[in-house]
Amino acid sequence: MIDPNKVSAPHVRNFIRLARLAEQEGHTIGSTSEQIVAALISGRSDWLPSSYPQPLHAIKRLHAGGADWWHTALYVHGLSWRE
């Protein structure tokens, strides 16, 4: 479930930018959390950072960074951000 109170508008824009850039480049860039976001939003577990190769480990890392990151990532995943 997504808590709309924890979705951050600035993160939405940044996460979409990161995911689009990763799709263009063929790999993720940025901080570990940004790489996790782009990989998960894009549905590309092969793009997860080598320190977090398993999706569940990556999800735990992302959630540890703040609930706003996790809820925003879920929100963006449900959008038609590729368009």
PDB file of N, CA and C in Angstrom:
ATOM      1  N   MET A   1       0.828  -1.175   0.000  1.00  0.00           N
ATOM      2  CA  MET A   1       0.000   0.000   0.000  1.00  0.00           C
ATOM      3  C   MET A   1       0.882   1.252   0.000  1.00  0.00           C
ATOM      4  N   ILE A   2       0.423   2.221  -0.711  1.00  0.00           N
ATOM      5  CA  ILE A   2       1.125   3.503  -0.780  1.00  0.00           C
ATOM      6  C   ILE A   2       0.433   4.484   0.156  1.00  0.00           C
ATOM      7  N   ASP A   3       1.216   5.106   1.002  1.00  0.00           N
ATOM      8  CA  ASP A   3       0.684   6.162   1.855  1.00  0.00           C
ATOM      9  C   ASP A   3       0.881   7.479   1.107  1.00  0.00           C
ATOM     10  N   PRO A   4      -0.186   8.086   0.583  1.00  0.00           N
ATOM     11  CA  PRO A   4      -0.048   9.313  -0.196  1.00  0.00           C
ATOM     12  C   PRO A   4       0.587  10.457   0.591  1.00  0.00           C
ATOM     13  N   ASN A   5       0.509  10.411   1.913  1.00  0.00           N
ATOM     14  CA  ASN A   5       1.135  11.447   2.732  1.00  0.00           C
ATOM     15  C   ASN A   5       2.655  11.343   2.741  1.00  0.00           C
ATOM     16  N   LYS A   6       3.173  10.196   2.274  1.00  0.00           N
ATOM     17  CA  LYS A   6       4.620   9.984   2.264  1.00  0.00           C
ATOM     18  C   LYS A   6       5.203  10.034   0.855  1.00  0.00           C
ATOM     19  N   VAL A   7       4.389  10.414  -0.124  1.00  0.00           N
ATOM     20  CA  VAL A   7       4.875  10.567  -1.500  1.00  0.00           C
ATOM     21  C   VAL A   7       5.393  11.992  -1.648  1.00  0.00           C
ATOM     22  N   SER A   8       6.632  12.105  -2.077  1.00  0.00           N
ATOM     23  CA  SER A   8       7.291  13.405  -2.210  1.00  0.00           C
ATOM     24  C   SER A   8       7.306  13.842  -3.673  1.00  0.00           C
ATOM     25  N   ALA A   9       6.694  14.990  -3.963  1.00  0.00           N
ATOM     26  CA  ALA A   9       6.661  15.495  -5.342  1.00  0.00           C
ATOM     27  C   ALA A   9       8.066  15.701  -5.913  1.00  0.00           C
ATOM     28  N   PRO A  10       9.006  16.282  -5.161  1.00  0.00           N
ATOM     29  CA  PRO A  10      10.361  16.410  -5.723  1.00  0.00           C
ATOM     30  C   PRO A  10      10.995  15.054  -6.017  1.00  0.00           C
ATOM     31  N   HIS A  11      10.738  14.062  -5.152  1.00  0.00           N
ATOM     32  CA  HIS A  11      11.270  12.718  -5.410  1.00  0.00           C
ATOM     33  C   HIS A  11      10.622  12.114  -6.654  1.00  0.00           C
ATOM     34  N   VAL A  12       9.334  12.344  -6.854  1.00  0.00           N
ATOM     35  CA  VAL A  12       8.653  11.810  -8.048  1.00  0.00           C
ATOM     36  C   VAL A  12       9.393  12.271  -9.294  1.00  0.00           C
ATOM     37  N   ARG A  13       9.638  13.558  -9.398  1.00  0.00           N
ATOM     38  CA  ARG A  13      10.334  14.093 -10.581  1.00  0.00           C
ATOM     39  C   ARG A  13      11.735  13.510 -10.716  1.00  0.00           C
ATOM     40  N   ASN A  14      12.457  13.422  -9.599  1.00  0.00           N
ATOM     41  CA  ASN A  14      13.810  12.898  -9.630  1.00  0.00           C
ATOM     42  C   ASN A  14      13.827  11.410  -9.979  1.00  0.00           C
ATOM     43  N   PHE A  15      12.913  10.638  -9.422  1.00  0.00           N
ATOM     44  CA  PHE A  15      12.882   9.202  -9.686  1.00  0.00           C
ATOM     45  C   PHE A  15      12.560   8.928 -11.153  1.00  0.00           C
ATOM     46  N   ILE A  16      11.638   9.683 -11.717  1.00  0.00           N
ATOM     47  CA  ILE A  16      11.322   9.521 -13.142  1.00  0.00           C
ATOM     48  C   ILE A  16      12.539   9.874 -13.984  1.00  0.00           C
ATOM     49  N   ARG A  17      13.225  10.951 -13.629  1.00  0.00           N
ATOM     50  CA  ARG A  17      14.438  11.346 -14.349  1.00  0.00           C
ATOM     51  C   ARG A  17      15.499  10.247 -14.270  1.00  0.00           C
ATOM     52  N   LEU A  18      15.700   9.688 -13.083  1.00  0.00           N
ATOM     53  CA  LEU A  18      16.689   8.633 -12.900  1.00  0.00           C
ATOM     54  C   LEU A  18      16.340   7.386 -13.711  1.00  0.00           C
ATOM     55  N   ALA A  19      15.080   6.994 -13.694  1.00  0.00           N
ATOM     56  CA  ALA A  19      14.657   5.799 -14.432  1.00  0.00           C
ATOM     57  C   ALA A  19      14.789   6.006 -15.939  1.00  0.00           C
ATOM     58  N   ARG A  20      14.403   7.171 -16.428  1.00  0.00           N
ATOM     59  CA  ARG A  20      14.536   7.451 -17.865  1.00  0.00           C
ATOM     60  C   ARG A  20      16.002   7.482 -18.281  1.00  0.00           C
ATOM     61  N   LEU A  21      16.839   8.088 -17.460  1.00  0.00           N
ATOM     62  CA  LEU A  21      18.266   8.141 -17.757  1.00  0.00           C
ATOM     63  C   LEU A  21      18.865   6.732 -17.765  1.00  0.00           C
ATOM     64  N   ALA A  22      18.483   5.905 -16.815  1.00  0.00           N
ATOM     65  CA  ALA A  22      18.980   4.525 -16.766  1.00  0.00           C
ATOM     66  C   ALA A  22      18.562   3.756 -18.020  1.00  0.00           C
ATOM     67  N   GLU A  23      17.334   3.962 -18.461  1.00  0.00           N
ATOM     68  CA  GLU A  23      16.875   3.279 -19.670  1.00  0.00           C
ATOM     69  C   GLU A  23      17.658   3.743 -20.894  1.00  0.00           C
ATOM     70  N   GLN A  24      17.995   5.024 -20.948  1.00  0.00           N
ATOM     71  CA  GLN A  24      18.785   5.545 -22.072  1.00  0.00           C
ATOM     72  C   GLN A  24      20.207   5.006 -22.044  1.00  0.00           C
ATOM     73  N   GLU A  25      20.810   4.961 -20.847  1.00  0.00           N
ATOM     74  CA  GLU A  25      22.208   4.563 -20.697  1.00  0.00           C
ATOM     75  C   GLU A  25      22.400   3.047 -20.649  1.00  0.00           C
ATOM     76  N   GLY A  26      21.350   2.334 -20.253  1.00  0.00           N
ATOM     77  CA  GLY A  26      21.456   0.885 -20.116  1.00  0.00           C
ATOM     78  C   GLY A  26      21.996   0.452 -18.762  1.00  0.00           C
ATOM     79  N   HIS A  27      22.064   1.379 -17.811  1.00  0.00           N
ATOM     80  CA  HIS A  27      22.502   1.091 -16.443  1.00  0.00           C
ATOM     81  C   HIS A  27      22.117   2.276 -15.564  1.00  0.00           C
ATOM     82  N   THR A  28      22.125   2.025 -14.269  1.00  0.00           N
ATOM     83  CA  THR A  28      21.757   3.086 -13.336  1.00  0.00           C
ATOM     84  C   THR A  28      22.960   3.939 -12.976  1.00  0.00           C
ATOM     85  N   ILE A  29      22.671   5.147 -12.492  1.00  0.00           N
ATOM     86  CA  ILE A  29      23.718   6.052 -12.025  1.00  0.00           C
ATOM     87  C   ILE A  29      23.253   6.688 -10.720  1.00  0.00           C
ATOM     88  N   GLY A  30      24.165   7.353 -10.032  1.00  0.00           N
ATOM     89  CA  GLY A  30      23.818   8.077  -8.823  1.00  0.00           C
ATOM     90  C   GLY A  30      24.211   7.331  -7.570  1.00  0.00           C
ATOM     91  N   SER A  31      23.647   7.788  -6.468  1.00  0.00           N
ATOM     92  CA  SER A  31      23.911   7.160  -5.175  1.00  0.00           C
ATOM     93  C   SER A  31      23.342   5.744  -5.165  1.00  0.00           C
ATOM     94  N   THR A  32      23.688   5.000  -4.139  1.00  0.00           N
ATOM     95  CA  THR A  32      23.169   3.633  -4.020  1.00  0.00           C
ATOM     96  C   THR A  32      21.645   3.640  -4.017  1.00  0.00           C
ATOM     97  N   SER A  33      21.047   4.530  -3.243  1.00  0.00           N
ATOM     98  CA  SER A  33      19.579   4.587  -3.191  1.00  0.00           C
ATOM     99  C   SER A  33      18.992   4.981  -4.541  1.00  0.00           C
ATOM    100  N   GLU A  34      19.636   5.910  -5.236  1.00  0.00           N
ATOM    101  CA  GLU A  34      19.146   6.316  -6.562  1.00  0.00           C
ATOM    102  C   GLU A  34      19.252   5.165  -7.560  1.00  0.00           C
ATOM    103  N   GLN A  35      20.311   4.380  -7.468  1.00  0.00           N
ATOM    104  CA  GLN A  35      20.453   3.223  -8.345  1.00  0.00           C
ATOM    105  C   GLN A  35      19.368   2.187  -8.059  1.00  0.00           C
ATOM    106  N   ILE A  36      19.086   1.981  -6.778  1.00  0.00           N
ATOM    107  CA  ILE A  36      18.035   1.035  -6.396  1.00  0.00           C
ATOM    108  C   ILE A  36      16.683   1.502  -6.922  1.00  0.00           C
ATOM    109  N   VAL A  37      16.389   2.776  -6.744  1.00  0.00           N
ATOM    110  CA  VAL A  37      15.117   3.330  -7.227  1.00  0.00           C
ATOM    111  C   VAL A  37      14.974   3.109  -8.729  1.00  0.00           C
ATOM    112  N   ALA A  38      15.977   3.490  -9.494  1.00  0.00           N
ATOM    113  CA  ALA A  38      15.903   3.364 -10.957  1.00  0.00           C
ATOM    114  C   ALA A  38      15.751   1.912 -11.380  1.00  0.00           C
ATOM    115  N   ALA A  39      16.483   1.009 -10.725  1.00  0.00           N
ATOM    116  CA  ALA A  39      16.393  -0.409 -11.073  1.00  0.00           C
ATOM    117  C   ALA A  39      15.003  -0.964 -10.766  1.00  0.00           C
ATOM    118  N   LEU A  40      14.492  -0.671  -9.569  1.00  0.00           N
ATOM    119  CA  LEU A  40      13.177  -1.206  -9.185  1.00  0.00           C
ATOM    120  C   LEU A  40      12.056  -0.616 -10.020  1.00  0.00           C
ATOM    121  N   ILE A  41      12.100   0.683 -10.255  1.00  0.00           N
ATOM    122  CA  ILE A  41      11.051   1.317 -11.053  1.00  0.00           C
ATOM    123  C   ILE A  41      11.058   0.784 -12.483  1.00  0.00           C
ATOM    124  N   SER A  42      12.243   0.511 -12.994  1.00  0.00           N
ATOM    125  CA  SER A  42      12.382   0.013 -14.365  1.00  0.00           C
ATOM    126  C   SER A  42      12.134  -1.485 -14.475  1.00  0.00           C
ATOM    127  N   GLY A  43      12.010  -2.161 -13.331  1.00  0.00           N
ATOM    128  CA  GLY A  43      11.812  -3.605 -13.357  1.00  0.00           C
ATOM    129  C   GLY A  43      13.066  -4.352 -13.778  1.00  0.00           C
ATOM    130  N   ARG A  44      14.238  -3.792 -13.470  1.00  0.00           N
ATOM    131  CA  ARG A  44      15.510  -4.367 -13.894  1.00  0.00           C
ATOM    132  C   ARG A  44      16.355  -4.752 -12.684  1.00  0.00           C
ATOM    133  N   SER A  45      16.125  -5.935 -12.145  1.00  0.00           N
ATOM    134  CA  SER A  45      16.922  -6.372 -10.994  1.00  0.00           C
ATOM    135  C   SER A  45      18.393  -6.527 -11.368  1.00  0.00           C
ATOM    136  N   ASP A  46      18.686  -6.704 -12.642  1.00  0.00           N
ATOM    137  CA  ASP A  46      20.088  -6.804 -13.068  1.00  0.00           C
ATOM    138  C   ASP A  46      20.802  -5.458 -12.968  1.00  0.00           C
ATOM    139  N   TRP A  47      20.077  -4.378 -12.768  1.00  0.00           N
ATOM    140  CA  TRP A  47      20.670  -3.049 -12.592  1.00  0.00           C
ATOM    141  C   TRP A  47      20.887  -2.686 -11.128  1.00  0.00           C
ATOM    142  N   LEU A  48      20.501  -3.552 -10.214  1.00  0.00           N
ATOM    143  CA  LEU A  48      20.714  -3.251  -8.799  1.00  0.00           C
ATOM    144  C   LEU A  48      22.209  -3.159  -8.511  1.00  0.00           C
ATOM    145  N   PRO A  49      22.595  -2.294  -7.572  1.00  0.00           N
ATOM    146  CA  PRO A  49      24.019  -2.174  -7.218  1.00  0.00           C
ATOM    147  C   PRO A  49      24.576  -3.519  -6.746  1.00  0.00           C
ATOM    148  N   SER A  50      25.842  -3.759  -7.004  1.00  0.00           N
ATOM    149  CA  SER A  50      26.448  -5.041  -6.635  1.00  0.00           C
ATOM    150  C   SER A  50      26.390  -5.292  -5.126  1.00  0.00           C
ATOM    151  N   SER A  51      26.319  -4.240  -4.334  1.00  0.00           N
ATOM    152  CA  SER A  51      26.217  -4.404  -2.881  1.00  0.00           C
ATOM    153  C   SER A  51      24.807  -4.808  -2.439  1.00  0.00           C
ATOM    154  N   TYR A  52      23.833  -4.699  -3.330  1.00  0.00           N
ATOM    155  CA  TYR A  52      22.442  -5.080  -3.051  1.00  0.00           C
ATOM    156  C   TYR A  52      21.872  -5.844  -4.244  1.00  0.00           C
ATOM    157  N   PRO A  53      22.426  -7.024  -4.546  1.00  0.00           N
ATOM    158  CA  PRO A  53      22.008  -7.731  -5.760  1.00  0.00           C
ATOM    159  C   PRO A  53      20.617  -8.370  -5.684  1.00  0.00           C
ATOM    160  N   GLN A  54      20.118  -8.587  -4.479  1.00  0.00           N
ATOM    161  CA  GLN A  54      18.811  -9.207  -4.313  1.00  0.00           C
ATOM    162  C   GLN A  54      17.748  -8.130  -4.117  1.00  0.00           C
ATOM    163  N   PRO A  55      16.625  -8.219  -4.824  1.00  0.00           N
ATOM    164  CA  PRO A  55      15.585  -7.194  -4.695  1.00  0.00           C
ATOM    165  C   PRO A  55      15.138  -6.936  -3.251  1.00  0.00           C
ATOM    166  N   LEU A  56      14.990  -7.974  -2.445  1.00  0.00           N
ATOM    167  CA  LEU A  56      14.536  -7.737  -1.068  1.00  0.00           C
ATOM    168  C   LEU A  56      15.575  -6.976  -0.253  1.00  0.00           C
ATOM    169  N   HIS A  57      16.847  -7.249  -0.479  1.00  0.00           N
ATOM    170  CA  HIS A  57      17.883  -6.481   0.215  1.00  0.00           C
ATOM    171  C   HIS A  57      17.844  -5.022  -0.236  1.00  0.00           C
ATOM    172  N   ALA A  58      17.645  -4.819  -1.525  1.00  0.00           N
ATOM    173  CA  ALA A  58      17.570  -3.459  -2.063  1.00  0.00           C
ATOM    174  C   ALA A  58      16.360  -2.720  -1.498  1.00  0.00           C
ATOM    175  N   ILE A  59      15.248  -3.410  -1.390  1.00  0.00           N
ATOM    176  CA  ILE A  59      14.035  -2.799  -0.845  1.00  0.00           C
ATOM    177  C   ILE A  59      14.253  -2.398   0.615  1.00  0.00           C
ATOM    178  N   LYS A  60      14.887  -3.269   1.391  1.00  0.00           N
ATOM    179  CA  LYS A  60      15.172  -2.944   2.789  1.00  0.00           C
ATOM    180  C   LYS A  60      16.087  -1.723   2.883  1.00  0.00           C
ATOM    181  N   ARG A  61      17.080  -1.655   2.006  1.00  0.00           N
ATOM    182  CA  ARG A  61      18.013  -0.506   1.990  1.00  0.00           C
ATOM    183  C   ARG A  61      17.261   0.774   1.655  1.00  0.00           C
ATOM    184  N   LEU A  62      16.395   0.688   0.640  1.00  0.00           N
ATOM    185  CA  LEU A  62      15.640   1.864   0.224  1.00  0.00           C
ATOM    186  C   LEU A  62      14.709   2.325   1.344  1.00  0.00           C
ATOM    187  N   HIS A  63      14.032   1.413   1.976  1.00  0.00           N
ATOM    188  CA  HIS A  63      13.112   1.772   3.054  1.00  0.00           C
ATOM    189  C   HIS A  63      13.866   2.358   4.237  1.00  0.00           C
ATOM    190  N   ALA A  64      15.064   1.866   4.503  1.00  0.00           N
ATOM    191  CA  ALA A  64      15.869   2.389   5.612  1.00  0.00           C
ATOM    192  C   ALA A  64      16.243   3.853   5.377  1.00  0.00           C
ATOM    193  N   GLY A  65      16.290   4.272   4.120  1.00  0.00           N
ATOM    194  CA  GLY A  65      16.623   5.652   3.792  1.00  0.00           C
ATOM    195  C   GLY A  65      15.498   6.625   4.075  1.00  0.00           C
ATOM    196  N   GLY A  66      14.321   6.109   4.307  1.00  0.00           N
ATOM    197  CA  GLY A  66      13.176   6.960   4.614  1.00  0.00           C
ATOM    198  C   GLY A  66      11.926   6.441   3.929  1.00  0.00           C
ATOM    199  N   ALA A  67      10.840   6.490   4.661  1.00  0.00           N
ATOM    200  CA  ALA A  67       9.571   5.987   4.131  1.00  0.00           C
ATOM    201  C   ALA A  67       9.153   6.752   2.884  1.00  0.00           C
ATOM    202  N   ASP A  68       9.548   8.038   2.784  1.00  0.00           N
ATOM    203  CA  ASP A  68       9.168   8.811   1.606  1.00  0.00           C
ATOM    204  C   ASP A  68       9.789   8.236   0.338  1.00  0.00           C
ATOM    205  N   TRP A  69      10.997   7.701   0.429  1.00  0.00           N
ATOM    206  CA  TRP A  69      11.632   7.100  -0.753  1.00  0.00           C
ATOM    207  C   TRP A  69      10.849   5.865  -1.182  1.00  0.00           C
ATOM    208  N   TRP A  70      10.501   5.017  -0.232  1.00  0.00           N
ATOM    209  CA  TRP A  70       9.802   3.776  -0.559  1.00  0.00           C
ATOM    210  C   TRP A  70       8.409   4.060  -1.128  1.00  0.00           C
ATOM    211  N   HIS A  71       7.651   4.898  -0.483  1.00  0.00           N
ATOM    212  CA  HIS A  71       6.291   5.184  -0.944  1.00  0.00           C
ATOM    213  C   HIS A  71       6.315   5.922  -2.288  1.00  0.00           C
ATOM    214  N   THR A  72       7.292   6.793  -2.471  1.00  0.00           N
ATOM    215  CA  THR A  72       7.397   7.501  -3.745  1.00  0.00           C
ATOM    216  C   THR A  72       7.802   6.537  -4.865  1.00  0.00           C
ATOM    217  N   ALA A  73       8.704   5.616  -4.583  1.00  0.00           N
ATOM    218  CA  ALA A  73       9.101   4.626  -5.592  1.00  0.00           C
ATOM    219  C   ALA A  73       7.899   3.775  -6.006  1.00  0.00           C
ATOM    220  N   LEU A  74       7.111   3.346  -5.038  1.00  0.00           N
ATOM    221  CA  LEU A  74       5.902   2.575  -5.362  1.00  0.00           C
ATOM    222  C   LEU A  74       4.940   3.398  -6.209  1.00  0.00           C
ATOM    223  N   TYR A  75       4.770   4.653  -5.848  1.00  0.00           N
ATOM    224  CA  TYR A  75       3.883   5.547  -6.584  1.00  0.00           C
ATOM    225  C   TYR A  75       4.346   5.715  -8.032  1.00  0.00           C
ATOM    226  N   VAL A  76       5.636   5.998  -8.211  1.00  0.00           N
ATOM    227  CA  VAL A  76       6.175   6.201  -9.565  1.00  0.00           C
ATOM    228  C   VAL A  76       6.081   4.922 -10.378  1.00  0.00           C
ATOM    229  N   HIS A  77       6.311   3.782  -9.745  1.00  0.00           N
ATOM    230  CA  HIS A  77       6.218   2.507 -10.469  1.00  0.00           C
ATOM    231  C   HIS A  77       4.833   2.337 -11.088  1.00  0.00           C
ATOM    232  N   GLY A  78       3.821   2.836 -10.425  1.00  0.00           N
ATOM    233  CA  GLY A  78       2.455   2.711 -10.925  1.00  0.00           C
ATOM    234  C   GLY A  78       2.076   3.734 -11.990  1.00  0.00           C
ATOM    235  N   LEU A  79       2.941   4.713 -12.226  1.00  0.00           N
ATOM    236  CA  LEU A  79       2.671   5.733 -13.239  1.00  0.00           C
ATOM    237  C   LEU A  79       3.094   5.261 -14.628  1.00  0.00           C
ATOM    238  N   SER A  80       2.640   5.961 -15.643  1.00  0.00           N
ATOM    239  CA  SER A  80       3.110   5.736 -17.013  1.00  0.00           C
ATOM    240  C   SER A  80       4.283   6.679 -17.270  1.00  0.00           C
ATOM    241  N   TRP A  81       5.365   6.470 -16.540  1.00  0.00           N
ATOM    242  CA  TRP A  81       6.507   7.384 -16.581  1.00  0.00           C
ATOM    243  C   TRP A  81       7.354   7.240 -17.835  1.00  0.00           C
ATOM    244  N   ARG A  82       7.221   6.153 -18.559  1.00  0.00           N
ATOM    245  CA  ARG A  82       8.047   5.942 -19.742  1.00  0.00           C
ATOM    246  C   ARG A  82       7.618   6.832 -20.904  1.00  0.00           C
ATOM    247  N   GLU A  83       6.439   7.386 -20.831  1.00  0.00           N
ATOM    248  CA  GLU A  83       5.902   8.186 -21.940  1.00  0.00           C
ATOM    249  C   GLU A  83       6.452   9.581 -21.941  1.00  0.00           C
TER     250      GLU A  83
END
